[in-house]
Amino acid sequence: MQIRRRIYKKKGEVDTIFSGGFKGKLSESDFNKIVEELSKINWDTLTFPDVQCCDAPVVTILIRYNNKGKNFESMTPPPSTNKLIAYLVDFSLNVSLPRYNRPMDFEVAEPPPPNQ
């Protein structure tokens, strides 16, 4: 699992201890919980409202599944994603992963080619 997070001490001041890239292996129970929450969402029809106007966090989800890649970004994600987002936020703040200082490419471009 790779996590990239930006935590602020106060407005405009990034907390460099808790911010950055982290990479590690999920426990089986964490993996199962994330898969459970992911499976509750219809990713094919999901849309995020285009709200990025105010002083609030922007939630970004980049996902690949079934040879598809999608990006979702909004300040007001749909309610169907609330449990997944809450779990991931809690997980990212409370799990102990080693710092990963190499660049992480989270952008979803072209999905991988299908297996032949």
PDB file of N, CA and C in Angstrom:
ATOM      1  N   MET A   1       0.848  -1.164   0.000  1.00  0.00           N
ATOM      2  CA  MET A   1       0.000   0.000   0.000  1.00  0.00           C
ATOM      3  C   MET A   1       0.891   1.223   0.000  1.00  0.00           C
ATOM      4  N   GLN A   2       0.485   2.203  -0.780  1.00  0.00           N
ATOM      5  CA  GLN A   2       1.164   3.485  -0.790  1.00  0.00           C
ATOM      6  C   GLN A   2       0.198   4.553  -0.309  1.00  0.00           C
ATOM      7  N   ILE A   3       0.680   5.408   0.546  1.00  0.00           N
ATOM      8  CA  ILE A   3      -0.131   6.518   1.051  1.00  0.00           C
ATOM      9  C   ILE A   3       0.675   7.794   0.863  1.00  0.00           C
ATOM     10  N   ARG A   4       0.038   8.772   0.317  1.00  0.00           N
ATOM     11  CA  ARG A   4       0.640  10.106   0.259  1.00  0.00           C
ATOM     12  C   ARG A   4      -0.332  11.037   0.953  1.00  0.00           C
ATOM     13  N   ARG A   5       0.123  11.702   1.976  1.00  0.00           N
ATOM     14  CA  ARG A   5      -0.782  12.563   2.730  1.00  0.00           C
ATOM     15  C   ARG A   5      -0.118  13.902   3.033  1.00  0.00           C
ATOM     16  N   ARG A   6      -0.961  14.902   3.196  1.00  0.00           N
ATOM     17  CA  ARG A   6      -0.507  16.235   3.565  1.00  0.00           C
ATOM     18  C   ARG A   6      -1.326  16.659   4.770  1.00  0.00           C
ATOM     19  N   ILE A   7      -0.674  16.740   5.893  1.00  0.00           N
ATOM     20  CA  ILE A   7      -1.304  17.131   7.145  1.00  0.00           C
ATOM     21  C   ILE A   7      -0.822  18.546   7.480  1.00  0.00           C
ATOM     22  N   TYR A   8      -1.743  19.392   7.902  1.00  0.00           N
ATOM     23  CA  TYR A   8      -1.397  20.777   8.210  1.00  0.00           C
ATOM     24  C   TYR A   8      -1.376  21.010   9.714  1.00  0.00           C
ATOM     25  N   LYS A   9      -0.373  21.765  10.182  1.00  0.00           N
ATOM     26  CA  LYS A   9      -0.317  22.213  11.572  1.00  0.00           C
ATOM     27  C   LYS A   9      -1.347  23.312  11.781  1.00  0.00           C
ATOM     28  N   LYS A  10      -1.388  24.213  10.838  1.00  0.00           N
ATOM     29  CA  LYS A  10      -2.364  25.298  10.808  1.00  0.00           C
ATOM     30  C   LYS A  10      -2.464  25.749   9.359  1.00  0.00           C
ATOM     31  N   LYS A  11      -3.351  26.644   9.079  1.00  0.00           N
ATOM     32  CA  LYS A  11      -3.594  27.063   7.702  1.00  0.00           C
ATOM     33  C   LYS A  11      -2.283  27.441   6.998  1.00  0.00           C
ATOM     34  N   GLY A  12      -1.996  26.715   5.921  1.00  0.00           N
ATOM     35  CA  GLY A  12      -0.828  27.009   5.110  1.00  0.00           C
ATOM     36  C   GLY A  12       0.489  26.447   5.614  1.00  0.00           C
ATOM     37  N   GLU A  13       0.498  25.790   6.791  1.00  0.00           N
ATOM     38  CA  GLU A  13       1.738  25.250   7.347  1.00  0.00           C
ATOM     39  C   GLU A  13       1.664  23.725   7.423  1.00  0.00           C
ATOM     40  N   VAL A  14       2.420  23.080   6.526  1.00  0.00           N
ATOM     41  CA  VAL A  14       2.420  21.616   6.448  1.00  0.00           C
ATOM     42  C   VAL A  14       3.230  21.038   7.596  1.00  0.00           C
ATOM     43  N   ASP A  15       2.699  19.988   8.227  1.00  0.00           N
ATOM     44  CA  ASP A  15       3.412  19.244   9.265  1.00  0.00           C
ATOM     45  C   ASP A  15       4.313  18.233   8.562  1.00  0.00           C
ATOM     46  N   THR A  16       5.607  18.510   8.494  1.00  0.00           N
ATOM     47  CA  THR A  16       6.523  17.665   7.729  1.00  0.00           C
ATOM     48  C   THR A  16       6.773  16.294   8.371  1.00  0.00           C
ATOM     49  N   ILE A  17       6.475  16.155   9.644  1.00  0.00           N
ATOM     50  CA  ILE A  17       6.654  14.850  10.296  1.00  0.00           C
ATOM     51  C   ILE A  17       5.574  13.866   9.843  1.00  0.00           C
ATOM     52  N   PHE A  18       4.329  14.328   9.763  1.00  0.00           N
ATOM     53  CA  PHE A  18       3.215  13.443   9.420  1.00  0.00           C
ATOM     54  C   PHE A  18       2.858  13.469   7.939  1.00  0.00           C
ATOM     55  N   SER A  19       3.416  14.385   7.192  1.00  0.00           N
ATOM     56  CA  SER A  19       3.131  14.494   5.766  1.00  0.00           C
ATOM     57  C   SER A  19       4.208  13.776   4.961  1.00  0.00           C
ATOM     58  N   GLY A  20       3.856  13.397   3.739  1.00  0.00           N
ATOM     59  CA  GLY A  20       4.826  12.767   2.848  1.00  0.00           C
ATOM     60  C   GLY A  20       4.305  11.465   2.304  1.00  0.00           C
ATOM     61  N   GLY A  21       5.225  10.660   1.783  1.00  0.00           N
ATOM     62  CA  GLY A  21       4.883   9.361   1.223  1.00  0.00           C
ATOM     63  C   GLY A  21       5.253   8.247   2.171  1.00  0.00           C
ATOM     64  N   PHE A  22       4.409   7.241   2.211  1.00  0.00           N
ATOM     65  CA  PHE A  22       4.617   6.083   3.072  1.00  0.00           C
ATOM     66  C   PHE A  22       4.238   4.837   2.281  1.00  0.00           C
ATOM     67  N   LYS A  23       4.964   3.764   2.507  1.00  0.00           N
ATOM     68  CA  LYS A  23       4.712   2.544   1.739  1.00  0.00           C
ATOM     69  C   LYS A  23       4.924   1.337   2.639  1.00  0.00           C
ATOM     70  N   GLY A  24       4.031   0.363   2.528  1.00  0.00           N
ATOM     71  CA  GLY A  24       4.170  -0.841   3.328  1.00  0.00           C
ATOM     72  C   GLY A  24       3.153  -1.890   2.924  1.00  0.00           C
ATOM     73  N   LYS A  25       3.082  -2.935   3.702  1.00  0.00           N
ATOM     74  CA  LYS A  25       2.196  -4.057   3.419  1.00  0.00           C
ATOM     75  C   LYS A  25       1.016  -4.029   4.371  1.00  0.00           C
ATOM     76  N   LEU A  26      -0.185  -4.256   3.821  1.00  0.00           N
ATOM     77  CA  LEU A  26      -1.395  -4.295   4.636  1.00  0.00           C
ATOM     78  C   LEU A  26      -1.498  -5.607   5.393  1.00  0.00           C
ATOM     79  N   SER A  27      -2.066  -5.543   6.586  1.00  0.00           N
ATOM     80  CA  SER A  27      -2.403  -6.782   7.281  1.00  0.00           C
ATOM     81  C   SER A  27      -3.592  -7.402   6.559  1.00  0.00           C
ATOM     82  N   GLU A  28      -3.821  -8.666   6.788  1.00  0.00           N
ATOM     83  CA  GLU A  28      -4.948  -9.336   6.132  1.00  0.00           C
ATOM     84  C   GLU A  28      -6.278  -8.701   6.534  1.00  0.00           C
ATOM     85  N   SER A  29      -6.428  -8.325   7.800  1.00  0.00           N
ATOM     86  CA  SER A  29      -7.693  -7.727   8.240  1.00  0.00           C
ATOM     87  C   SER A  29      -7.897  -6.344   7.619  1.00  0.00           C
ATOM     88  N   ASP A  30      -6.831  -5.528   7.511  1.00  0.00           N
ATOM     89  CA  ASP A  30      -6.957  -4.220   6.851  1.00  0.00           C
ATOM     90  C   ASP A  30      -7.290  -4.395   5.377  1.00  0.00           C
ATOM     91  N   PHE A  31      -6.625  -5.338   4.728  1.00  0.00           N
ATOM     92  CA  PHE A  31      -6.901  -5.602   3.319  1.00  0.00           C
ATOM     93  C   PHE A  31      -8.364  -6.002   3.125  1.00  0.00           C
ATOM     94  N   ASN A  32      -8.848  -6.921   3.959  1.00  0.00           N
ATOM     95  CA  ASN A  32     -10.234  -7.392   3.835  1.00  0.00           C
ATOM     96  C   ASN A  32     -11.234  -6.260   4.079  1.00  0.00           C
ATOM     97  N   LYS A  33     -10.950  -5.382   5.031  1.00  0.00           N
ATOM     98  CA  LYS A  33     -11.845  -4.264   5.322  1.00  0.00           C
ATOM     99  C   LYS A  33     -11.898  -3.285   4.139  1.00  0.00           C
ATOM    100  N   ILE A  34     -10.757  -2.990   3.557  1.00  0.00           N
ATOM    101  CA  ILE A  34     -10.729  -2.091   2.399  1.00  0.00           C
ATOM    102  C   ILE A  34     -11.462  -2.714   1.218  1.00  0.00           C
ATOM    103  N   VAL A  35     -11.238  -3.987   0.953  1.00  0.00           N
ATOM    104  CA  VAL A  35     -11.944  -4.669  -0.138  1.00  0.00           C
ATOM    105  C   VAL A  35     -13.453  -4.658   0.117  1.00  0.00           C
ATOM    106  N   GLU A  36     -13.857  -4.889   1.358  1.00  0.00           N
ATOM    107  CA  GLU A  36     -15.281  -4.861   1.718  1.00  0.00           C
ATOM    108  C   GLU A  36     -15.890  -3.494   1.405  1.00  0.00           C
ATOM    109  N   GLU A  37     -15.221  -2.427   1.816  1.00  0.00           N
ATOM    110  CA  GLU A  37     -15.743  -1.078   1.570  1.00  0.00           C
ATOM    111  C   GLU A  37     -15.716  -0.735   0.083  1.00  0.00           C
ATOM    112  N   LEU A  38     -14.676  -1.135  -0.622  1.00  0.00           N
ATOM    113  CA  LEU A  38     -14.606  -0.885  -2.069  1.00  0.00           C
ATOM    114  C   LEU A  38     -15.743  -1.571  -2.813  1.00  0.00           C
ATOM    115  N   SER A  39     -16.093  -2.776  -2.369  1.00  0.00           N
ATOM    116  CA  SER A  39     -17.119  -3.554  -3.076  1.00  0.00           C
ATOM    117  C   SER A  39     -18.532  -3.010  -2.871  1.00  0.00           C
ATOM    118  N   LYS A  40     -18.722  -2.124  -1.906  1.00  0.00           N
ATOM    119  CA  LYS A  40     -20.042  -1.542  -1.654  1.00  0.00           C
ATOM    120  C   LYS A  40     -20.364  -0.380  -2.600  1.00  0.00           C
ATOM    121  N   ILE A  41     -19.396   0.047  -3.396  1.00  0.00           N
ATOM    122  CA  ILE A  41     -19.553   1.230  -4.245  1.00  0.00           C
ATOM    123  C   ILE A  41     -19.641   0.801  -5.702  1.00  0.00           C
ATOM    124  N   ASN A  42     -20.581   1.365  -6.436  1.00  0.00           N
ATOM    125  CA  ASN A  42     -20.686   1.088  -7.868  1.00  0.00           C
ATOM    126  C   ASN A  42     -19.777   2.070  -8.601  1.00  0.00           C
ATOM    127  N   TRP A  43     -18.548   1.661  -8.847  1.00  0.00           N
ATOM    128  CA  TRP A  43     -17.538   2.538  -9.428  1.00  0.00           C
ATOM    129  C   TRP A  43     -17.862   2.923 -10.867  1.00  0.00           C
ATOM    130  N   ASP A  44     -18.616   2.076 -11.571  1.00  0.00           N
ATOM    131  CA  ASP A  44     -18.954   2.383 -12.969  1.00  0.00           C
ATOM    132  C   ASP A  44     -19.887   3.581 -13.090  1.00  0.00           C
ATOM    133  N   THR A  45     -20.754   3.790 -12.109  1.00  0.00           N
ATOM    134  CA  THR A  45     -21.718   4.894 -12.193  1.00  0.00           C
ATOM    135  C   THR A  45     -21.417   6.036 -11.222  1.00  0.00           C
ATOM    136  N   LEU A  46     -20.406   5.858 -10.382  1.00  0.00           N
ATOM    137  CA  LEU A  46     -20.085   6.862  -9.373  1.00  0.00           C
ATOM    138  C   LEU A  46     -19.613   8.166 -10.016  1.00  0.00           C
ATOM    139  N   THR A  47     -20.112   9.270  -9.500  1.00  0.00           N
ATOM    140  CA  THR A  47     -19.611  10.591  -9.893  1.00  0.00           C
ATOM    141  C   THR A  47     -19.404  11.420  -8.633  1.00  0.00           C
ATOM    142  N   PHE A  48     -18.384  12.234  -8.660  1.00  0.00           N
ATOM    143  CA  PHE A  48     -18.116  13.175  -7.586  1.00  0.00           C
ATOM    144  C   PHE A  48     -18.554  14.551  -8.067  1.00  0.00           C
ATOM    145  N   PRO A  49     -19.290  15.303  -7.257  1.00  0.00           N
ATOM    146  CA  PRO A  49     -19.648  16.659  -7.672  1.00  0.00           C
ATOM    147  C   PRO A  49     -18.402  17.533  -7.787  1.00  0.00           C
ATOM    148  N   ASP A  50     -18.403  18.419  -8.749  1.00  0.00           N
ATOM    149  CA  ASP A  50     -17.256  19.301  -8.975  1.00  0.00           C
ATOM    150  C   ASP A  50     -17.295  20.463  -7.993  1.00  0.00           C
ATOM    151  N   VAL A  51     -16.926  20.178  -6.737  1.00  0.00           N
ATOM    152  CA  VAL A  51     -16.918  21.200  -5.691  1.00  0.00           C
ATOM    153  C   VAL A  51     -15.494  21.306  -5.165  1.00  0.00           C
ATOM    154  N   GLN A  52     -14.847  22.440  -5.431  1.00  0.00           N
ATOM    155  CA  GLN A  52     -13.492  22.696  -4.966  1.00  0.00           C
ATOM    156  C   GLN A  52     -13.349  24.196  -4.726  1.00  0.00           C
ATOM    157  N   CYS A  53     -14.245  24.706  -3.902  1.00  0.00           N
ATOM    158  CA  CYS A  53     -14.383  26.160  -3.814  1.00  0.00           C
ATOM    159  C   CYS A  53     -13.920  26.792  -2.516  1.00  0.00           C
ATOM    160  N   CYS A  54     -13.860  26.035  -1.482  1.00  0.00           N
ATOM    161  CA  CYS A  54     -13.792  26.671  -0.164  1.00  0.00           C
ATOM    162  C   CYS A  54     -12.593  26.180   0.628  1.00  0.00           C
ATOM    163  N   ASP A  55     -12.548  26.542   1.872  1.00  0.00           N
ATOM    164  CA  ASP A  55     -11.458  26.141   2.747  1.00  0.00           C
ATOM    165  C   ASP A  55     -11.818  24.823   3.431  1.00  0.00           C
ATOM    166  N   ALA A  56     -11.762  23.759   2.660  1.00  0.00           N
ATOM    167  CA  ALA A  56     -12.049  22.418   3.169  1.00  0.00           C
ATOM    168  C   ALA A  56     -11.175  21.433   2.394  1.00  0.00           C
ATOM    169  N   PRO A  57     -10.954  20.250   2.939  1.00  0.00           N
ATOM    170  CA  PRO A  57     -10.103  19.287   2.241  1.00  0.00           C
ATOM    171  C   PRO A  57     -10.761  18.777   0.961  1.00  0.00           C
ATOM    172  N   VAL A  58      -9.936  18.555  -0.046  1.00  0.00           N
ATOM    173  CA  VAL A  58     -10.374  17.923  -1.283  1.00  0.00           C
ATOM    174  C   VAL A  58     -10.052  16.441  -1.152  1.00  0.00           C
ATOM    175  N   VAL A  59     -11.056  15.595  -1.351  1.00  0.00           N
ATOM    176  CA  VAL A  59     -10.873  14.149  -1.300  1.00  0.00           C
ATOM    177  C   VAL A  59     -10.582  13.668  -2.708  1.00  0.00           C
ATOM    178  N   THR A  60      -9.511  12.896  -2.847  1.00  0.00           N
ATOM    179  CA  THR A  60      -9.143  12.347  -4.143  1.00  0.00           C
ATOM    180  C   THR A  60      -9.047  10.833  -4.018  1.00  0.00           C
ATOM    181  N   ILE A  61      -9.695  10.133  -4.928  1.00  0.00           N
ATOM    182  CA  ILE A  61      -9.594   8.677  -5.012  1.00  0.00           C
ATOM    183  C   ILE A  61      -9.179   8.343  -6.434  1.00  0.00           C
ATOM    184  N   LEU A  62      -8.084   7.609  -6.563  1.00  0.00           N
ATOM    185  CA  LEU A  62      -7.622   7.107  -7.847  1.00  0.00           C
ATOM    186  C   LEU A  62      -7.760   5.596  -7.779  1.00  0.00           C
ATOM    187  N   ILE A  63      -8.468   5.021  -8.717  1.00  0.00           N
ATOM    188  CA  ILE A  63      -8.750   3.591  -8.628  1.00  0.00           C
ATOM    189  C   ILE A  63      -8.568   2.922  -9.986  1.00  0.00           C
ATOM    190  N   ARG A  64      -8.095   1.697  -9.940  1.00  0.00           N
ATOM    191  CA  ARG A  64      -7.994   0.847 -11.126  1.00  0.00           C
ATOM    192  C   ARG A  64      -8.725  -0.446 -10.824  1.00  0.00           C
ATOM    193  N   TYR A  65      -9.569  -0.861 -11.763  1.00  0.00           N
ATOM    194  CA  TYR A  65     -10.310  -2.116 -11.610  1.00  0.00           C
ATOM    195  C   TYR A  65     -10.793  -2.558 -12.978  1.00  0.00           C
ATOM    196  N   ASN A  66     -10.847  -3.867 -13.208  1.00  0.00           N
ATOM    197  CA  ASN A  66     -11.342  -4.433 -14.468  1.00  0.00           C
ATOM    198  C   ASN A  66     -10.748  -3.731 -15.687  1.00  0.00           C
ATOM    199  N   ASN A  67      -9.460  -3.500 -15.680  1.00  0.00           N
ATOM    200  CA  ASN A  67      -8.752  -2.814 -16.776  1.00  0.00           C
ATOM    201  C   ASN A  67      -9.273  -1.413 -17.040  1.00  0.00           C
ATOM    202  N   LYS A  68      -9.820  -0.764 -16.041  1.00  0.00           N
ATOM    203  CA  LYS A  68     -10.278   0.619 -16.135  1.00  0.00           C
ATOM    204  C   LYS A  68      -9.504   1.435 -15.112  1.00  0.00           C
ATOM    205  N   GLY A  69      -9.368   2.719 -15.384  1.00  0.00           N
ATOM    206  CA  GLY A  69      -8.763   3.628 -14.425  1.00  0.00           C
ATOM    207  C   GLY A  69      -9.642   4.852 -14.288  1.00  0.00           C
ATOM    208  N   LYS A  70      -9.901   5.276 -13.058  1.00  0.00           N
ATOM    209  CA  LYS A  70     -10.756   6.440 -12.825  1.00  0.00           C
ATOM    210  C   LYS A  70     -10.163   7.311 -11.729  1.00  0.00           C
ATOM    211  N   ASN A  71     -10.385   8.624 -11.868  1.00  0.00           N
ATOM    212  CA  ASN A  71     -10.003   9.607 -10.855  1.00  0.00           C
ATOM    213  C   ASN A  71     -11.268  10.265 -10.341  1.00  0.00           C
ATOM    214  N   PHE A  72     -11.359  10.421  -9.044  1.00  0.00           N
ATOM    215  CA  PHE A  72     -12.487  11.115  -8.413  1.00  0.00           C
ATOM    216  C   PHE A  72     -11.905  12.175  -7.486  1.00  0.00           C
ATOM    217  N   GLU A  73     -12.463  13.393  -7.551  1.00  0.00           N
ATOM    218  CA  GLU A  73     -11.946  14.469  -6.715  1.00  0.00           C
ATOM    219  C   GLU A  73     -13.055  15.469  -6.415  1.00  0.00           C
ATOM    220  N   SER A  74     -13.243  15.777  -5.131  1.00  0.00           N
ATOM    221  CA  SER A  74     -14.268  16.739  -4.735  1.00  0.00           C
ATOM    222  C   SER A  74     -14.113  17.085  -3.260  1.00  0.00           C
ATOM    223  N   MET A  75     -14.670  18.213  -2.883  1.00  0.00           N
ATOM    224  CA  MET A  75     -14.764  18.576  -1.466  1.00  0.00           C
ATOM    225  C   MET A  75     -15.996  17.938  -0.835  1.00  0.00           C
ATOM    226  N   THR A  76     -16.929  17.502  -1.670  1.00  0.00           N
ATOM    227  CA  THR A  76     -18.160  16.892  -1.163  1.00  0.00           C
ATOM    228  C   THR A  76     -18.427  15.565  -1.883  1.00  0.00           C
ATOM    229  N   PRO A  77     -17.658  14.526  -1.539  1.00  0.00           N
ATOM    230  CA  PRO A  77     -17.875  13.228  -2.184  1.00  0.00           C
ATOM    231  C   PRO A  77     -19.280  12.698  -1.880  1.00  0.00           C
ATOM    232  N   PRO A  78     -19.806  11.831  -2.737  1.00  0.00           N
ATOM    233  CA  PRO A  78     -21.140  11.291  -2.492  1.00  0.00           C
ATOM    234  C   PRO A  78     -21.186  10.423  -1.232  1.00  0.00           C
ATOM    235  N   PRO A  79     -22.358  10.353  -0.598  1.00  0.00           N
ATOM    236  CA  PRO A  79     -22.499   9.578   0.645  1.00  0.00           C
ATOM    237  C   PRO A  79     -22.084   8.110   0.519  1.00  0.00           C
ATOM    238  N   SER A  80     -22.210   7.527  -0.664  1.00  0.00           N
ATOM    239  CA  SER A  80     -21.850   6.109  -0.825  1.00  0.00           C
ATOM    240  C   SER A  80     -20.367   5.862  -0.577  1.00  0.00           C
ATOM    241  N   THR A  81     -19.556   6.909  -0.571  1.00  0.00           N
ATOM    242  CA  THR A  81     -18.114   6.751  -0.342  1.00  0.00           C
ATOM    243  C   THR A  81     -17.688   7.103   1.087  1.00  0.00           C
ATOM    244  N   ASN A  82     -18.611   7.573   1.899  1.00  0.00           N
ATOM    245  CA  ASN A  82     -18.254   8.068   3.237  1.00  0.00           C
ATOM    246  C   ASN A  82     -17.542   7.039   4.103  1.00  0.00           C
ATOM    247  N   LYS A  83     -18.026   5.800   4.145  1.00  0.00           N
ATOM    248  CA  LYS A  83     -17.398   4.786   5.003  1.00  0.00           C
ATOM    249  C   LYS A  83     -15.997   4.432   4.514  1.00  0.00           C
ATOM    250  N   LEU A  84     -15.836   4.319   3.197  1.00  0.00           N
ATOM    251  CA  LEU A  84     -14.515   4.026   2.642  1.00  0.00           C
ATOM    252  C   LEU A  84     -13.552   5.156   2.966  1.00  0.00           C
ATOM    253  N   ILE A  85     -13.968   6.387   2.722  1.00  0.00           N
ATOM    254  CA  ILE A  85     -13.099   7.539   2.977  1.00  0.00           C
ATOM    255  C   ILE A  85     -12.746   7.627   4.459  1.00  0.00           C
ATOM    256  N   ALA A  86     -13.716   7.458   5.332  1.00  0.00           N
ATOM    257  CA  ALA A  86     -13.453   7.516   6.773  1.00  0.00           C
ATOM    258  C   ALA A  86     -12.457   6.434   7.186  1.00  0.00           C
ATOM    259  N   TYR A  87     -12.630   5.237   6.651  1.00  0.00           N
ATOM    260  CA  TYR A  87     -11.708   4.152   6.983  1.00  0.00           C
ATOM    261  C   TYR A  87     -10.291   4.478   6.495  1.00  0.00           C
ATOM    262  N   LEU A  88     -10.178   4.962   5.258  1.00  0.00           N
ATOM    263  CA  LEU A  88      -8.864   5.266   4.707  1.00  0.00           C
ATOM    264  C   LEU A  88      -8.181   6.417   5.448  1.00  0.00           C
ATOM    265  N   VAL A  89      -8.937   7.429   5.829  1.00  0.00           N
ATOM    266  CA  VAL A  89      -8.358   8.540   6.594  1.00  0.00           C
ATOM    267  C   VAL A  89      -7.864   8.029   7.943  1.00  0.00           C
ATOM    268  N   ASP A  90      -8.710   7.278   8.643  1.00  0.00           N
ATOM    269  CA  ASP A  90      -8.314   6.726   9.936  1.00  0.00           C
ATOM    270  C   ASP A  90      -7.087   5.830   9.780  1.00  0.00           C
ATOM    271  N   PHE A  91      -7.118   4.983   8.764  1.00  0.00           N
ATOM    272  CA  PHE A  91      -6.006   4.073   8.506  1.00  0.00           C
ATOM    273  C   PHE A  91      -4.723   4.856   8.252  1.00  0.00           C
ATOM    274  N   SER A  92      -4.793   5.867   7.389  1.00  0.00           N
ATOM    275  CA  SER A  92      -3.580   6.605   7.027  1.00  0.00           C
ATOM    276  C   SER A  92      -2.992   7.378   8.209  1.00  0.00           C
ATOM    277  N   LEU A  93      -3.831   7.773   9.150  1.00  0.00           N
ATOM    278  CA  LEU A  93      -3.337   8.517  10.304  1.00  0.00           C
ATOM    279  C   LEU A  93      -2.836   7.613  11.426  1.00  0.00           C
ATOM    280  N   ASN A  94      -3.307   6.384  11.461  1.00  0.00           N
ATOM    281  CA  ASN A  94      -3.000   5.514  12.595  1.00  0.00           C
ATOM    282  C   ASN A  94      -2.097   4.330  12.288  1.00  0.00           C
ATOM    283  N   VAL A  95      -1.911   4.008  11.027  1.00  0.00           N
ATOM    284  CA  VAL A  95      -1.047   2.879  10.696  1.00  0.00           C
ATOM    285  C   VAL A  95       0.405   3.353  10.711  1.00  0.00           C
ATOM    286  N   SER A  96       1.291   2.465  11.080  1.00  0.00           N
ATOM    287  CA  SER A  96       2.706   2.795  11.110  1.00  0.00           C
ATOM    288  C   SER A  96       3.368   2.204   9.873  1.00  0.00           C
ATOM    289  N   LEU A  97       3.582   3.044   8.870  1.00  0.00           N
ATOM    290  CA  LEU A  97       4.269   2.617   7.658  1.00  0.00           C
ATOM    291  C   LEU A  97       5.591   3.359   7.562  1.00  0.00           C
ATOM    292  N   PRO A  98       6.615   2.708   6.994  1.00  0.00           N
ATOM    293  CA  PRO A  98       7.884   3.409   6.833  1.00  0.00           C
ATOM    294  C   PRO A  98       7.774   4.521   5.786  1.00  0.00           C
ATOM    295  N   ARG A  99       8.504   5.605   6.017  1.00  0.00           N
ATOM    296  CA  ARG A  99       8.537   6.724   5.068  1.00  0.00           C
ATOM    297  C   ARG A  99       9.131   6.223   3.756  1.00  0.00           C
ATOM    298  N   TYR A 100       8.571   6.691   2.670  1.00  0.00           N
ATOM    299  CA  TYR A 100       9.018   6.325   1.329  1.00  0.00           C
ATOM    300  C   TYR A 100       9.358   7.611   0.606  1.00  0.00           C
ATOM    301  N   ASN A 101      10.643   7.841   0.367  1.00  0.00           N
ATOM    302  CA  ASN A 101      11.093   9.127  -0.151  1.00  0.00           C
ATOM    303  C   ASN A 101      11.191   9.194  -1.669  1.00  0.00           C
ATOM    304  N   ARG A 102      10.934   8.101  -2.354  1.00  0.00           N
ATOM    305  CA  ARG A 102      10.942   8.144  -3.813  1.00  0.00           C
ATOM    306  C   ARG A 102       9.631   8.736  -4.305  1.00  0.00           C
ATOM    307  N   PRO A 103       9.643   9.297  -5.508  1.00  0.00           N
ATOM    308  CA  PRO A 103       8.378   9.824  -6.046  1.00  0.00           C
ATOM    309  C   PRO A 103       7.357   8.699  -6.225  1.00  0.00           C
ATOM    310  N   MET A 104       6.109   9.017  -5.927  1.00  0.00           N
ATOM    311  CA  MET A 104       5.012   8.071  -6.119  1.00  0.00           C
ATOM    312  C   MET A 104       4.125   8.599  -7.225  1.00  0.00           C
ATOM    313  N   ASP A 105       3.820   7.762  -8.181  1.00  0.00           N
ATOM    314  CA  ASP A 105       2.962   8.170  -9.282  1.00  0.00           C
ATOM    315  C   ASP A 105       1.577   7.601  -9.033  1.00  0.00           C
ATOM    316  N   PHE A 106       0.671   8.455  -8.563  1.00  0.00           N
ATOM    317  CA  PHE A 106      -0.680   8.019  -8.277  1.00  0.00           C
ATOM    318  C   PHE A 106      -1.637   8.325  -9.420  1.00  0.00           C
ATOM    319  N   GLU A 107      -1.171   9.030 -10.428  1.00  0.00           N
ATOM    320  CA  GLU A 107      -2.079   9.433 -11.498  1.00  0.00           C
ATOM    321  C   GLU A 107      -2.562   8.205 -12.264  1.00  0.00           C
ATOM    322  N   VAL A 108      -3.815   8.208 -12.590  1.00  0.00           N
ATOM    323  CA  VAL A 108      -4.396   7.123 -13.369  1.00  0.00           C
ATOM    324  C   VAL A 108      -4.416   7.591 -14.821  1.00  0.00           C
ATOM    325  N   ALA A 109      -3.577   7.021 -15.617  1.00  0.00           N
ATOM    326  CA  ALA A 109      -3.564   7.362 -17.033  1.00  0.00           C
ATOM    327  C   ALA A 109      -4.302   6.256 -17.762  1.00  0.00           C
ATOM    328  N   GLU A 110      -3.615   5.607 -18.650  1.00  0.00           N
ATOM    329  CA  GLU A 110      -4.231   4.505 -19.358  1.00  0.00           C
ATOM    330  C   GLU A 110      -4.248   3.277 -18.457  1.00  0.00           C
ATOM    331  N   PRO A 111      -5.361   2.544 -18.453  1.00  0.00           N
ATOM    332  CA  PRO A 111      -5.367   1.304 -17.658  1.00  0.00           C
ATOM    333  C   PRO A 111      -4.398   0.306 -18.271  1.00  0.00           C
ATOM    334  N   PRO A 112      -3.937  -0.641 -17.469  1.00  0.00           N
ATOM    335  CA  PRO A 112      -3.005  -1.619 -17.993  1.00  0.00           C
ATOM    336  C   PRO A 112      -3.669  -2.452 -19.092  1.00  0.00           C
ATOM    337  N   PRO A 113      -2.883  -2.952 -20.061  1.00  0.00           N
ATOM    338  CA  PRO A 113      -3.491  -3.766 -21.121  1.00  0.00           C
ATOM    339  C   PRO A 113      -4.033  -5.063 -20.549  1.00  0.00           C
ATOM    340  N   PRO A 114      -5.109  -5.594 -21.149  1.00  0.00           N
ATOM    341  CA  PRO A 114      -5.672  -6.854 -20.645  1.00  0.00           C
ATOM    342  C   PRO A 114      -4.675  -7.995 -20.834  1.00  0.00           C
ATOM    343  N   ASN A 115      -4.764  -8.968 -19.948  1.00  0.00           N
ATOM    344  CA  ASN A 115      -3.891 -10.152 -20.054  1.00  0.00           C
ATOM    345  C   ASN A 115      -4.263 -10.918 -21.301  1.00  0.00           C
ATOM    346  N   GLN A 116      -3.257 -11.361 -22.013  1.00  0.00           N
ATOM    347  CA  GLN A 116      -3.525 -12.103 -23.263  1.00  0.00           C
ATOM    348  C   GLN A 116      -3.222 -13.553 -23.075  1.00  0.00           C
TER     349      GLN A 116
END
